[in-house]
C-alpha atoms as a PDB file:
ATOM      1  CA  MET A   1     -14.218 -12.564  12.197  1.00  0.00           C
ATOM      2  CA  SER A   2     -16.160 -10.481   9.759  1.00  0.00           C
ATOM      3  CA  HIS A   3     -14.851  -7.051   8.767  1.00  0.00           C
ATOM      4  CA  ARG A   4     -17.027  -4.057   7.928  1.00  0.00           C
ATOM      5  CA  CYS A   5     -15.565  -3.680   4.445  1.00  0.00           C
ATOM      6  CA  GLU A   6     -15.807  -7.385   3.598  1.00  0.00           C
ATOM      7  CA  PRO A   7     -18.720  -7.008   1.110  1.00  0.00           C
ATOM      8  CA  LEU A   8     -16.820  -4.326  -0.821  1.00  0.00           C
ATOM      9  CA  TYR A   9     -13.547  -6.279  -0.767  1.00  0.00           C
ATOM     10  CA  ASN A  10     -15.334  -9.432  -1.997  1.00  0.00           C
ATOM     11  CA  GLU A  11     -17.044  -7.486  -4.794  1.00  0.00           C
ATOM     12  CA  LEU A  12     -13.696  -6.123  -5.981  1.00  0.00           C
ATOM     13  CA  MET A  13     -11.852  -9.445  -5.699  1.00  0.00           C
ATOM     14  CA  ASN A  14     -14.410 -12.045  -6.837  1.00  0.00           C
ATOM     15  CA  ASN A  15     -13.081 -13.444 -10.166  1.00  0.00           C
ATOM     16  CA  THR A  16     -11.763 -10.076 -11.369  1.00  0.00           C
ATOM     17  CA  VAL A  17      -8.670  -8.865 -13.163  1.00  0.00           C
ATOM     18  CA  LEU A  18      -7.989  -6.850 -10.009  1.00  0.00           C
ATOM     19  CA  ALA A  19      -7.775 -10.112  -8.042  1.00  0.00           C
ATOM     20  CA  ASP A  20      -5.151 -11.400 -10.499  1.00  0.00           C
ATOM     21  CA  PHE A  21      -3.249  -8.102 -10.266  1.00  0.00           C
ATOM     22  CA  PHE A  22      -3.270  -8.238  -6.466  1.00  0.00           C
ATOM     23  CA  ALA A  23      -2.487 -11.986  -6.163  1.00  0.00           C
ATOM     24  CA  PRO A  24       1.271 -11.495  -5.503  1.00  0.00           C
ATOM     25  CA  ALA A  25       0.493  -9.098  -2.631  1.00  0.00           C
ATOM     26  CA  THR A  26      -2.049 -11.538  -1.187  1.00  0.00           C
ATOM     27  CA  LYS A  27       0.550 -14.296  -1.389  1.00  0.00           C
ATOM     28  CA  ALA A  28       3.143 -12.069   0.325  1.00  0.00           C
ATOM     29  CA  LEU A  29       0.713 -11.111   3.108  1.00  0.00           C
ATOM     30  CA  ASN A  30      -0.007 -14.797   3.709  1.00  0.00           C
ATOM     31  CA  LYS A  31       3.712 -15.305   4.444  1.00  0.00           C
ATOM     32  CA  VAL A  32       3.815 -12.509   7.040  1.00  0.00           C
ATOM     33  CA  ARG A  33       2.757 -13.458  10.561  1.00  0.00           C
ATOM     34  CA  TYR A  34       0.458 -10.945  12.212  1.00  0.00           C
ATOM     35  CA  THR A  35      -2.752 -10.857  14.218  1.00  0.00           C
ATOM     36  CA  ALA A  36      -5.547 -10.133  11.742  1.00  0.00           C
ATOM     37  CA  GLY A  37      -8.157  -9.570  14.477  1.00  0.00           C
ATOM     38  CA  ARG A  38      -6.695  -6.235  15.536  1.00  0.00           C
ATOM     39  CA  PHE A  39      -7.902  -4.533  12.328  1.00  0.00           C
ATOM     40  CA  LYS A  40     -11.701  -4.557  12.671  1.00  0.00           C
ATOM     41  CA  SER A  41     -12.700  -1.904  10.135  1.00  0.00           C
ATOM     42  CA  LEU A  42     -10.139  -2.508   7.418  1.00  0.00           C
ATOM     43  CA  PRO A  43      -8.168  -5.772   7.312  1.00  0.00           C
ATOM     44  CA  MET A  44      -4.590  -5.709   5.994  1.00  0.00           C
ATOM     45  CA  GLU A  45      -5.502  -7.224   2.603  1.00  0.00           C
ATOM     46  CA  ALA A  46      -8.110  -4.519   1.974  1.00  0.00           C
ATOM     47  CA  PHE A  47      -5.828  -1.820   3.406  1.00  0.00           C
ATOM     48  CA  CYS A  48      -3.037  -2.745   0.965  1.00  0.00           C
ATOM     49  CA  LEU A  49      -5.412  -3.217  -1.987  1.00  0.00           C
ATOM     50  CA  PHE A  50      -7.138   0.120  -1.383  1.00  0.00           C
ATOM     51  CA  GLY A  51      -3.724   1.801  -1.014  1.00  0.00           C
ATOM     52  CA  CYS A  52      -2.579   0.414  -4.393  1.00  0.00           C
ATOM     53  CA  LEU A  53      -5.854   1.368  -6.053  1.00  0.00           C
ATOM     54  CA  ARG A  54      -5.760   4.854  -4.561  1.00  0.00           C
ATOM     55  CA  HIS A  55      -2.352   5.538  -6.089  1.00  0.00           C
ATOM     56  CA  LEU A  56      -3.399   4.087  -9.455  1.00  0.00           C
ATOM     57  CA  GLN A  57      -6.552   6.219  -9.470  1.00  0.00           C
ATOM     58  CA  GLY A  58      -4.804   9.364  -8.185  1.00  0.00           C
ATOM     59  CA  ILE A  59      -7.216   9.793  -5.261  1.00  0.00           C
ATOM     60  CA  ALA A  60      -5.844  11.970  -2.478  1.00  0.00           C
ATOM     61  CA  THR A  61      -7.282  10.191   0.576  1.00  0.00           C
ATOM     62  CA  MET A  62      -8.411   6.703   1.449  1.00  0.00           C
ATOM     63  CA  ARG A  63     -11.652   7.983   2.974  1.00  0.00           C
ATOM     64  CA  GLU A  64     -12.562   9.655  -0.346  1.00  0.00           C
ATOM     65  CA  GLN A  65     -11.737   6.457  -2.207  1.00  0.00           C
ATOM     66  CA  VAL A  66     -13.847   4.250   0.059  1.00  0.00           C
ATOM     67  CA  GLN A  67     -16.756   6.659  -0.385  1.00  0.00           C
ATOM     68  CA  GLN A  68     -16.383   6.348  -4.169  1.00  0.00           C
ATOM     69  CA  LEU A  69     -16.295   2.545  -3.955  1.00  0.00           C
ATOM     70  CA  LEU A  70     -19.329   2.211  -1.670  1.00  0.00           C
ATOM     71  CA  HIS A  71     -21.723   2.255  -4.635  1.00  0.00           C
ATOM     72  CA  LEU A  72     -20.424  -1.221  -5.554  1.00  0.00           C
ATOM     73  CA  THR A  73     -21.973  -2.851  -2.487  1.00  0.00           C
ATOM     74  CA  ASP A  74     -25.089  -2.657  -0.332  1.00  0.00           C
ATOM     75  CA  ALA A  75     -23.070  -1.763   2.766  1.00  0.00           C
ATOM     76  CA  GLN A  76     -24.773   1.097   4.575  1.00  0.00           C
ATOM     77  CA  LYS A  77     -21.853   2.312   6.597  1.00  0.00           C
ATOM     78  CA  MET A  78     -18.163   1.609   6.271  1.00  0.00           C
ATOM     79  CA  PRO A  79     -16.128   3.618   8.749  1.00  0.00           C
ATOM     80  CA  VAL A  80     -12.435   4.072   8.110  1.00  0.00           C
ATOM     81  CA  ALA A  81     -10.622   5.035  11.292  1.00  0.00           C
ATOM     82  CA  ARG A  82      -8.133   7.447   9.724  1.00  0.00           C
ATOM     83  CA  SER A  83      -8.578   9.831   6.846  1.00  0.00           C
ATOM     84  CA  THR A  84      -5.579   8.928   4.693  1.00  0.00           C
ATOM     85  CA  TYR A  85      -3.553   5.876   3.808  1.00  0.00           C
ATOM     86  CA  SER A  86      -0.398   7.512   5.153  1.00  0.00           C
ATOM     87  CA  ASP A  87      -2.129   8.412   8.415  1.00  0.00           C
ATOM     88  CA  ALA A  88      -3.134   4.763   8.756  1.00  0.00           C
ATOM     89  CA  LEU A  89       0.497   3.783   8.208  1.00  0.00           C
ATOM     90  CA  ASN A  90       1.226   5.837  11.318  1.00  0.00           C
ATOM     91  CA  SER A  91       0.151   2.626  13.055  1.00  0.00           C
ATOM     92  CA  GLY A  92       3.378   0.827  13.891  1.00  0.00           C
ATOM     93  CA  ALA A  93       1.623  -2.526  13.481  1.00  0.00           C
ATOM     94  CA  ARG A  94       0.385  -1.766   9.938  1.00  0.00           C
ATOM     95  CA  GLN A  95       3.721  -0.276   8.929  1.00  0.00           C
ATOM     96  CA  ALA A  96       5.621  -3.370  10.114  1.00  0.00           C
ATOM     97  CA  ILE A  97       3.271  -5.671   8.188  1.00  0.00           C
ATOM     98  CA  VAL A  98       3.622  -3.623   4.991  1.00  0.00           C
ATOM     99  CA  GLN A  99       7.423  -3.636   5.333  1.00  0.00           C
ATOM    100  CA  GLN A 100       7.466  -7.430   5.776  1.00  0.00           C
ATOM    101  CA  ALA A 101       5.105  -7.882   2.820  1.00  0.00           C
ATOM    102  CA  VAL A 102       7.353  -5.745   0.568  1.00  0.00           C
ATOM    103  CA  VAL A 103      10.304  -8.007   1.378  1.00  0.00           C
ATOM    104  CA  GLN A 104       8.188 -11.043   0.446  1.00  0.00           C
ATOM    105  CA  LEU A 105       7.040  -9.366  -2.811  1.00  0.00           C
ATOM    106  CA  ALA A 106      10.636  -8.556  -3.795  1.00  0.00           C
ATOM    107  CA  ASP A 107      11.643 -12.182  -3.094  1.00  0.00           C
ATOM    108  CA  GLN A 108       8.757 -13.429  -5.272  1.00  0.00           C
ATOM    109  CA  ALA A 109       9.787 -11.073  -8.069  1.00  0.00           C
ATOM    110  CA  ARG A 110      13.429 -12.198  -7.885  1.00  0.00           C
ATOM    111  CA  ALA A 111      12.320 -15.815  -8.196  1.00  0.00           C
ATOM    112  CA  GLN A 112      10.092 -15.145 -11.230  1.00  0.00           C
ATOM    113  CA  LEU A 113      11.469 -12.204 -13.220  1.00  0.00           C
ATOM    114  CA  LEU A 114      14.400 -12.267 -15.590  1.00  0.00           C
ATOM    115  CA  ASP A 115      17.541 -10.239 -14.881  1.00  0.00           C
ATOM    116  CA  ARG A 116      17.146  -7.156 -17.086  1.00  0.00           C
ATOM    117  CA  LEU A 117      20.902  -6.568 -17.159  1.00  0.00           C
ATOM    118  CA  ALA A 118      22.089 -10.131 -17.809  1.00  0.00           C
ATOM    119  CA  GLN A 119      23.383  -9.199 -21.293  1.00  0.00           C
ATOM    120  CA  PHE A 120      25.983  -6.815 -19.773  1.00  0.00           C
ATOM    121  CA  ASP A 121      28.817  -9.169 -18.846  1.00  0.00           C
ATOM    122  CA  GLU A 122      30.871  -6.322 -17.351  1.00  0.00           C
ATOM    123  CA  LEU A 123      28.339  -5.938 -14.517  1.00  0.00           C
ATOM    124  CA  GLU A 124      28.694  -9.581 -13.517  1.00  0.00           C
ATOM    125  CA  ASP A 125      26.259 -10.171 -10.622  1.00  0.00           C
ATOM    126  CA  ARG A 126      26.716  -6.768  -8.942  1.00  0.00           C
ATOM    127  CA  PRO A 127      23.511  -5.127  -7.700  1.00  0.00           C
ATOM    128  CA  VAL A 128      22.292  -2.091  -9.663  1.00  0.00           C
ATOM    129  CA  TYR A 129      19.908   0.369  -8.016  1.00  0.00           C
ATOM    130  CA  ALA A 130      18.197   3.574  -9.053  1.00  0.00           C
ATOM    131  CA  ALA A 131      16.567   6.143  -6.789  1.00  0.00           C
ATOM    132  CA  ASP A 132      13.545   8.318  -7.505  1.00  0.00           C
ATOM    133  CA  GLY A 133      12.535  11.246  -5.318  1.00  0.00           C
ATOM    134  CA  SER A 134       8.997  12.572  -5.367  1.00  0.00           C
ATOM    135  CA  TYR A 135       6.950  14.838  -3.124  1.00  0.00           C
ATOM    136  CA  GLN A 136       4.114  13.137  -1.251  1.00  0.00           C
ATOM    137  CA  LYS A 137       1.171  15.309  -0.216  1.00  0.00           C
ATOM    138  CA  GLU A 138       0.575  13.203   2.873  1.00  0.00           C
ATOM    139  CA  SER A 139       2.904  11.666   5.404  1.00  0.00           C
ATOM    140  CA  ALA A 140       2.744   9.151   8.228  1.00  0.00           C
ATOM    141  CA  ASN A 141       5.521  11.003  10.040  1.00  0.00           C
ATOM    142  CA  PHE A 142       3.463  13.851  11.464  1.00  0.00           C
ATOM    143  CA  ARG A 143       0.424  13.996  13.726  1.00  0.00           C
ATOM    144  CA  ARG A 144      -2.527  16.257  12.935  1.00  0.00           C
ATOM    145  CA  CYS A 145      -1.870  19.907  13.821  1.00  0.00           C
ATOM    146  CA  THR A 146      -4.725  22.422  13.725  1.00  0.00           C
ATOM    147  CA  PRO A 147      -4.031  26.131  14.316  1.00  0.00           C
ATOM    148  CA  LYS A 148      -5.179  27.401  17.752  1.00  0.00           C
ATOM    149  CA  HIS A 149      -7.353  30.127  16.237  1.00  0.00           C
ATOM    150  CA  GLY A 150      -9.232  27.857  13.836  1.00  0.00           C
ATOM    151  CA  GLY A 151      -8.493  26.945  10.263  1.00  0.00           C
ATOM    152  CA  GLU A 152      -7.362  23.846   8.485  1.00  0.00           C
ATOM    153  CA  ASP A 153      -4.854  21.149   9.381  1.00  0.00           C
ATOM    154  CA  ASN A 154      -1.347  22.063   8.287  1.00  0.00           C
ATOM    155  CA  HIS A 155       0.201  20.394   5.252  1.00  0.00           C
ATOM    156  CA  LYS A 156       1.859  17.084   6.180  1.00  0.00           C
ATOM    157  CA  GLY A 157       3.806  16.176   3.071  1.00  0.00           C
ATOM    158  CA  HIS A 158       7.372  15.005   2.685  1.00  0.00           C
ATOM    159  CA  MET A 159       9.874  13.896   0.098  1.00  0.00           C
ATOM    160  CA  MET A 160       9.858  10.182  -0.591  1.00  0.00           C
ATOM    161  CA  LEU A 161      12.926   8.454  -1.989  1.00  0.00           C
ATOM    162  CA  THR A 162      12.145   5.108  -3.603  1.00  0.00           C
ATOM    163  CA  PHE A 163      14.951   2.649  -4.414  1.00  0.00           C
ATOM    164  CA  TYR A 164      14.558   0.363  -7.421  1.00  0.00           C
ATOM    165  CA  ASP A 165      16.442  -2.828  -8.174  1.00  0.00           C
ATOM    166  CA  VAL A 166      17.198  -2.205 -11.860  1.00  0.00           C
ATOM    167  CA  ARG A 167      17.932  -5.871 -12.522  1.00  0.00           C
ATOM    168  CA  LEU A 168      14.546  -6.795 -11.119  1.00  0.00           C
ATOM    169  CA  GLY A 169      12.655  -3.784 -12.452  1.00  0.00           C
ATOM    170  CA  ALA A 170      10.831  -3.276  -9.147  1.00  0.00           C
ATOM    171  CA  PRO A 171      10.984  -1.038  -6.069  1.00  0.00           C
ATOM    172  CA  VAL A 172      12.693  -2.655  -3.087  1.00  0.00           C
ATOM    173  CA  ASP A 173      12.787   0.088  -0.450  1.00  0.00           C
ATOM    174  CA  VAL A 174      11.390   3.533   0.387  1.00  0.00           C
END
């Protein structure tokens, strides 16, 4: 099955540094079982890649990002069903796939990265975690809510608490 964003995804991933950067996520997604055909506009690989890029670039919404990237390809029209990455995560199917992929990524990292705290004998093999709280401007937890008398959608942000495995040097849960 061909996806509407395939030309753009191929342009970004064809023998690029970005492809090397994203290779662990691609490998993790290949280990997660899901039906790819249900995502016609934006397949999971592109959804995750665009989400990573959006955060790296500091772009507020996925729709804005896709519009910025469209100049890289001849695609005339590339609809994205929802306006933000977090709104798209409101899909239970996408959220479950991302959660399974994160577990696979953490397992890959544990197999390849050195223990950053190995020199501290007192810690032995106990897990060490750190938490970081930050405010997210968008959230998958709330549906769109427009005031009855006109106006803009209300703000849908929330606090996000990310847990890091300090030994691994990587986030393991949100």
